[in-house]
PDB file of N, CA and C in Angstrom:
ATOM      1  N   MET A   1       0.828  -1.189   0.000  1.00  0.00           N
ATOM      2  CA  MET A   1       0.000   0.000   0.000  1.00  0.00           C
ATOM      3  C   MET A   1       0.872   1.252   0.000  1.00  0.00           C
ATOM      4  N   LYS A   2       0.315   2.328  -0.483  1.00  0.00           N
ATOM      5  CA  LYS A   2       1.006   3.614  -0.531  1.00  0.00           C
ATOM      6  C   LYS A   2       1.023   4.232   0.866  1.00  0.00           C
ATOM      7  N   LYS A   3       2.150   4.817   1.247  1.00  0.00           N
ATOM      8  CA  LYS A   3       2.266   5.482   2.539  1.00  0.00           C
ATOM      9  C   LYS A   3       2.251   6.989   2.331  1.00  0.00           C
ATOM     10  N   VAL A   4       1.556   7.684   3.222  1.00  0.00           N
ATOM     11  CA  VAL A   4       1.485   9.136   3.178  1.00  0.00           C
ATOM     12  C   VAL A   4       1.847   9.705   4.542  1.00  0.00           C
ATOM     13  N   LYS A   5       2.359  10.928   4.526  1.00  0.00           N
ATOM     14  CA  LYS A   5       2.674  11.647   5.756  1.00  0.00           C
ATOM     15  C   LYS A   5       1.598  12.700   5.956  1.00  0.00           C
ATOM     16  N   ILE A   6       0.929  12.651   7.108  1.00  0.00           N
ATOM     17  CA  ILE A   6      -0.140  13.588   7.434  1.00  0.00           C
ATOM     18  C   ILE A   6       0.379  14.523   8.516  1.00  0.00           C
ATOM     19  N   THR A   7       0.265  15.838   8.298  1.00  0.00           N
ATOM     20  CA  THR A   7       0.738  16.834   9.255  1.00  0.00           C
ATOM     21  C   THR A   7      -0.412  17.765   9.604  1.00  0.00           C
ATOM     22  N   LEU A   8      -0.615  18.011  10.896  1.00  0.00           N
ATOM     23  CA  LEU A   8      -1.637  18.960  11.330  1.00  0.00           C
ATOM     24  C   LEU A   8      -1.117  20.368  11.101  1.00  0.00           C
ATOM     25  N   ALA A   9      -1.803  21.126  10.250  1.00  0.00           N
ATOM     26  CA  ALA A   9      -1.331  22.451   9.839  1.00  0.00           C
ATOM     27  C   ALA A   9      -2.079  23.587  10.527  1.00  0.00           C
ATOM     28  N   LYS A  10      -3.273  23.326  11.021  1.00  0.00           N
ATOM     29  CA  LYS A  10      -4.073  24.376  11.653  1.00  0.00           C
ATOM     30  C   LYS A  10      -4.552  23.902  13.022  1.00  0.00           C
ATOM     31  N   SER A  11      -4.921  24.854  13.858  1.00  0.00           N
ATOM     32  CA  SER A  11      -5.342  24.574  15.220  1.00  0.00           C
ATOM     33  C   SER A  11      -6.696  23.859  15.266  1.00  0.00           C
ATOM     34  N   LEU A  12      -6.875  23.068  16.313  1.00  0.00           N
ATOM     35  CA  LEU A  12      -8.144  22.369  16.517  1.00  0.00           C
ATOM     36  C   LEU A  12      -9.114  23.183  17.366  1.00  0.00           C
ATOM     37  N   ILE A  13      -8.664  24.324  17.879  1.00  0.00           N
ATOM     38  CA  ILE A  13      -9.506  25.151  18.746  1.00  0.00           C
ATOM     39  C   ILE A  13     -10.683  25.696  17.947  1.00  0.00           C
ATOM     40  N   GLY A  14     -11.887  25.506  18.474  1.00  0.00           N
ATOM     41  CA  GLY A  14     -13.092  26.031  17.855  1.00  0.00           C
ATOM     42  C   GLY A  14     -13.629  25.203  16.703  1.00  0.00           C
ATOM     43  N   ARG A  15     -13.071  24.027  16.475  1.00  0.00           N
ATOM     44  CA  ARG A  15     -13.539  23.167  15.376  1.00  0.00           C
ATOM     45  C   ARG A  15     -14.675  22.277  15.858  1.00  0.00           C
ATOM     46  N   LYS A  16     -15.375  21.665  14.921  1.00  0.00           N
ATOM     47  CA  LYS A  16     -16.441  20.734  15.271  1.00  0.00           C
ATOM     48  C   LYS A  16     -15.858  19.549  16.028  1.00  0.00           C
ATOM     49  N   GLU A  17     -16.626  19.042  16.973  1.00  0.00           N
ATOM     50  CA  GLU A  17     -16.148  17.959  17.839  1.00  0.00           C
ATOM     51  C   GLU A  17     -15.736  16.724  17.046  1.00  0.00           C
ATOM     52  N   ASN A  18     -16.508  16.378  16.006  1.00  0.00           N
ATOM     53  CA  ASN A  18     -16.141  15.182  15.244  1.00  0.00           C
ATOM     54  C   ASN A  18     -14.869  15.399  14.422  1.00  0.00           C
ATOM     55  N   HIS A  19     -14.555  16.631  14.051  1.00  0.00           N
ATOM     56  CA  HIS A  19     -13.311  16.908  13.339  1.00  0.00           C
ATOM     57  C   HIS A  19     -12.122  16.803  14.286  1.00  0.00           C
ATOM     58  N   ILE A  20     -12.303  17.267  15.522  1.00  0.00           N
ATOM     59  CA  ILE A  20     -11.255  17.143  16.531  1.00  0.00           C
ATOM     60  C   ILE A  20     -10.977  15.671  16.812  1.00  0.00           C
ATOM     61  N   LEU A  21     -12.024  14.890  16.981  1.00  0.00           N
ATOM     62  CA  LEU A  21     -11.861  13.463  17.261  1.00  0.00           C
ATOM     63  C   LEU A  21     -11.234  12.724  16.084  1.00  0.00           C
ATOM     64  N   THR A  22     -11.544  13.150  14.869  1.00  0.00           N
ATOM     65  CA  THR A  22     -10.942  12.533  13.685  1.00  0.00           C
ATOM     66  C   THR A  22      -9.441  12.788  13.656  1.00  0.00           C
ATOM     67  N   CYS A  23      -9.038  14.015  13.956  1.00  0.00           N
ATOM     68  CA  CYS A  23      -7.604  14.333  13.991  1.00  0.00           C
ATOM     69  C   CYS A  23      -6.907  13.531  15.080  1.00  0.00           C
ATOM     70  N   LYS A  24      -7.531  13.414  16.234  1.00  0.00           N
ATOM     71  CA  LYS A  24      -6.925  12.648  17.315  1.00  0.00           C
ATOM     72  C   LYS A  24      -6.831  11.170  16.957  1.00  0.00           C
ATOM     73  N   SER A  25      -7.800  10.651  16.207  1.00  0.00           N
ATOM     74  CA  SER A  25      -7.743   9.248  15.799  1.00  0.00           C
ATOM     75  C   SER A  25      -6.629   9.012  14.776  1.00  0.00           C
ATOM     76  N   LEU A  26      -6.244  10.065  14.059  1.00  0.00           N
ATOM     77  CA  LEU A  26      -5.100   9.987  13.148  1.00  0.00           C
ATOM     78  C   LEU A  26      -3.782  10.167  13.894  1.00  0.00           C
ATOM     79  N   GLY A  27      -3.851  10.499  15.198  1.00  0.00           N
ATOM     80  CA  GLY A  27      -2.650  10.684  15.997  1.00  0.00           C
ATOM     81  C   GLY A  27      -2.110  12.098  15.956  1.00  0.00           C
ATOM     82  N   LEU A  28      -2.958  13.050  15.597  1.00  0.00           N
ATOM     83  CA  LEU A  28      -2.542  14.450  15.478  1.00  0.00           C
ATOM     84  C   LEU A  28      -3.187  15.263  16.592  1.00  0.00           C
ATOM     85  N   ASN A  29      -2.379  15.752  17.527  1.00  0.00           N
ATOM     86  CA  ASN A  29      -2.908  16.483  18.667  1.00  0.00           C
ATOM     87  C   ASN A  29      -2.539  17.962  18.656  1.00  0.00           C
ATOM     88  N   LYS A  30      -1.329  18.283  18.229  1.00  0.00           N
ATOM     89  CA  LYS A  30      -0.864  19.665  18.236  1.00  0.00           C
ATOM     90  C   LYS A  30      -0.412  20.053  16.831  1.00  0.00           C
ATOM     91  N   ILE A  31      -0.377  21.355  16.565  1.00  0.00           N
ATOM     92  CA  ILE A  31       0.088  21.845  15.270  1.00  0.00           C
ATOM     93  C   ILE A  31       1.520  21.360  15.051  1.00  0.00           C
ATOM     94  N   GLY A  32       1.758  20.822  13.870  1.00  0.00           N
ATOM     95  CA  GLY A  32       3.083  20.321  13.525  1.00  0.00           C
ATOM     96  C   GLY A  32       3.256  18.827  13.757  1.00  0.00           C
ATOM     97  N   ASP A  33       2.318  18.187  14.448  1.00  0.00           N
ATOM     98  CA  ASP A  33       2.389  16.734  14.631  1.00  0.00           C
ATOM     99  C   ASP A  33       2.252  16.044  13.279  1.00  0.00           C
ATOM    100  N   SER A  34       3.057  15.006  13.058  1.00  0.00           N
ATOM    101  CA  SER A  34       3.025  14.262  11.801  1.00  0.00           C
ATOM    102  C   SER A  34       2.959  12.774  12.073  1.00  0.00           C
ATOM    103  N   LYS A  35       2.307  12.063  11.182  1.00  0.00           N
ATOM    104  CA  LYS A  35       2.248  10.608  11.237  1.00  0.00           C
ATOM    105  C   LYS A  35       2.384  10.074   9.823  1.00  0.00           C
ATOM    106  N   VAL A  36       3.079   8.954   9.701  1.00  0.00           N
ATOM    107  CA  VAL A  36       3.164   8.251   8.424  1.00  0.00           C
ATOM    108  C   VAL A  36       2.233   7.050   8.528  1.00  0.00           C
ATOM    109  N   VAL A  37       1.272   6.974   7.623  1.00  0.00           N
ATOM    110  CA  VAL A  37       0.276   5.896   7.655  1.00  0.00           C
ATOM    111  C   VAL A  37       0.121   5.295   6.261  1.00  0.00           C
ATOM    112  N   GLU A  38      -0.347   4.063   6.239  1.00  0.00           N
ATOM    113  CA  GLU A  38      -0.678   3.434   4.965  1.00  0.00           C
ATOM    114  C   GLU A  38      -2.047   3.930   4.534  1.00  0.00           C
ATOM    115  N   LEU A  39      -2.138   4.332   3.293  1.00  0.00           N
ATOM    116  CA  LEU A  39      -3.376   4.901   2.762  1.00  0.00           C
ATOM    117  C   LEU A  39      -4.350   3.784   2.413  1.00  0.00           C
ATOM    118  N   ASN A  40      -5.508   3.798   3.074  1.00  0.00           N
ATOM    119  CA  ASN A  40      -6.589   2.873   2.735  1.00  0.00           C
ATOM    120  C   ASN A  40      -7.890   3.678   2.743  1.00  0.00           C
ATOM    121  N   ASP A  41      -8.991   3.010   2.529  1.00  0.00           N
ATOM    122  CA  ASP A  41     -10.265   3.723   2.399  1.00  0.00           C
ATOM    123  C   ASP A  41     -10.653   4.476   3.664  1.00  0.00           C
ATOM    124  N   SER A  42     -10.448   3.885   4.837  1.00  0.00           N
ATOM    125  CA  SER A  42     -10.840   4.561   6.076  1.00  0.00           C
ATOM    126  C   SER A  42      -9.960   5.774   6.351  1.00  0.00           C
ATOM    127  N   ILE A  43      -8.664   5.652   6.125  1.00  0.00           N
ATOM    128  CA  ILE A  43      -7.760   6.781   6.320  1.00  0.00           C
ATOM    129  C   ILE A  43      -8.067   7.879   5.307  1.00  0.00           C
ATOM    130  N   GLN A  44      -8.339   7.505   4.064  1.00  0.00           N
ATOM    131  CA  GLN A  44      -8.676   8.491   3.032  1.00  0.00           C
ATOM    132  C   GLN A  44      -9.934   9.260   3.404  1.00  0.00           C
ATOM    133  N   GLY A  45     -10.926   8.576   3.963  1.00  0.00           N
ATOM    134  CA  GLY A  45     -12.152   9.245   4.403  1.00  0.00           C
ATOM    135  C   GLY A  45     -11.893  10.240   5.514  1.00  0.00           C
ATOM    136  N   LYS A  46     -11.024   9.869   6.468  1.00  0.00           N
ATOM    137  CA  LYS A  46     -10.671  10.784   7.553  1.00  0.00           C
ATOM    138  C   LYS A  46      -9.938  12.004   7.011  1.00  0.00           C
ATOM    139  N   ILE A  47      -9.021  11.781   6.074  1.00  0.00           N
ATOM    140  CA  ILE A  47      -8.283  12.894   5.473  1.00  0.00           C
ATOM    141  C   ILE A  47      -9.241  13.826   4.731  1.00  0.00           C
ATOM    142  N   ASN A  48     -10.191  13.270   4.013  1.00  0.00           N
ATOM    143  CA  ASN A  48     -11.164  14.088   3.282  1.00  0.00           C
ATOM    144  C   ASN A  48     -11.993  14.950   4.236  1.00  0.00           C
ATOM    145  N   LEU A  49     -12.339  14.391   5.412  1.00  0.00           N
ATOM    146  CA  LEU A  49     -13.164  15.116   6.373  1.00  0.00           C
ATOM    147  C   LEU A  49     -12.428  16.328   6.936  1.00  0.00           C
ATOM    148  N   VAL A  50     -11.153  16.179   7.234  1.00  0.00           N
ATOM    149  CA  VAL A  50     -10.390  17.266   7.869  1.00  0.00           C
ATOM    150  C   VAL A  50      -9.328  17.835   6.930  1.00  0.00           C
ATOM    151  N   SER A  51      -9.597  17.808   5.635  1.00  0.00           N
ATOM    152  CA  SER A  51      -8.612  18.246   4.642  1.00  0.00           C
ATOM    153  C   SER A  51      -8.209  19.706   4.819  1.00  0.00           C
ATOM    154  N   TYR A  52      -9.080  20.524   5.392  1.00  0.00           N
ATOM    155  CA  TYR A  52      -8.759  21.931   5.597  1.00  0.00           C
ATOM    156  C   TYR A  52      -7.829  22.146   6.804  1.00  0.00           C
ATOM    157  N   LEU A  53      -7.590  21.089   7.584  1.00  0.00           N
ATOM    158  CA  LEU A  53      -6.728  21.191   8.766  1.00  0.00           C
ATOM    159  C   LEU A  53      -5.365  20.542   8.573  1.00  0.00           C
ATOM    160  N   VAL A  54      -5.257  19.639   7.607  1.00  0.00           N
ATOM    161  CA  VAL A  54      -4.041  18.834   7.480  1.00  0.00           C
ATOM    162  C   VAL A  54      -3.348  19.063   6.145  1.00  0.00           C
ATOM    163  N   LYS A  55      -2.072  18.704   6.120  1.00  0.00           N
ATOM    164  CA  LYS A  55      -1.277  18.724   4.897  1.00  0.00           C
ATOM    165  C   LYS A  55      -0.842  17.282   4.658  1.00  0.00           C
ATOM    166  N   VAL A  56      -1.064  16.773   3.456  1.00  0.00           N
ATOM    167  CA  VAL A  56      -0.749  15.393   3.134  1.00  0.00           C
ATOM    168  C   VAL A  56       0.331  15.367   2.058  1.00  0.00           C
ATOM    169  N   THR A  57       1.408  14.612   2.320  1.00  0.00           N
ATOM    170  CA  THR A  57       2.479  14.449   1.346  1.00  0.00           C
ATOM    171  C   THR A  57       2.811  12.982   1.212  1.00  0.00           C
ATOM    172  N   ASP A  58       3.423  12.641   0.107  1.00  0.00           N
ATOM    173  CA  ASP A  58       3.859  11.267  -0.120  1.00  0.00           C
ATOM    174  C   ASP A  58       5.030  10.969   0.823  1.00  0.00           C
ATOM    175  N   ALA A  59       4.962   9.860   1.541  1.00  0.00           N
ATOM    176  CA  ALA A  59       5.991   9.524   2.536  1.00  0.00           C
ATOM    177  C   ALA A  59       7.321   9.206   1.878  1.00  0.00           C
ATOM    178  N   ASP A  60       7.337   8.767   0.646  1.00  0.00           N
ATOM    179  CA  ASP A  60       8.573   8.423  -0.041  1.00  0.00           C
ATOM    180  C   ASP A  60       9.403   9.651  -0.383  1.00  0.00           C
ATOM    181  N   GLN A  61       8.760  10.820  -0.506  1.00  0.00           N
ATOM    182  CA  GLN A  61       9.470  12.050  -0.848  1.00  0.00           C
ATOM    183  C   GLN A  61      10.251  12.602   0.332  1.00  0.00           C
ATOM    184  N   ASP A  62       9.797  12.311   1.559  1.00  0.00           N
ATOM    185  CA  ASP A  62      10.447  12.880   2.742  1.00  0.00           C
ATOM    186  C   ASP A  62      11.495  12.006   3.247  1.00  0.00           C
TER     187      ASP A  62
END
């Protein structure tokens, strides 16, 4: 599977509760936190939900 690096780029303060919980389920708690994950349908759905908060890059490039 393809691996991607997800980085929290914006603050979670004042966001919808389900968006905050989605970021926390991805392992992103503070601005600048990054995780490398394998891209599958569930992860892609989470990324789509909080796309305005995160930056996604290909893990092979970093």
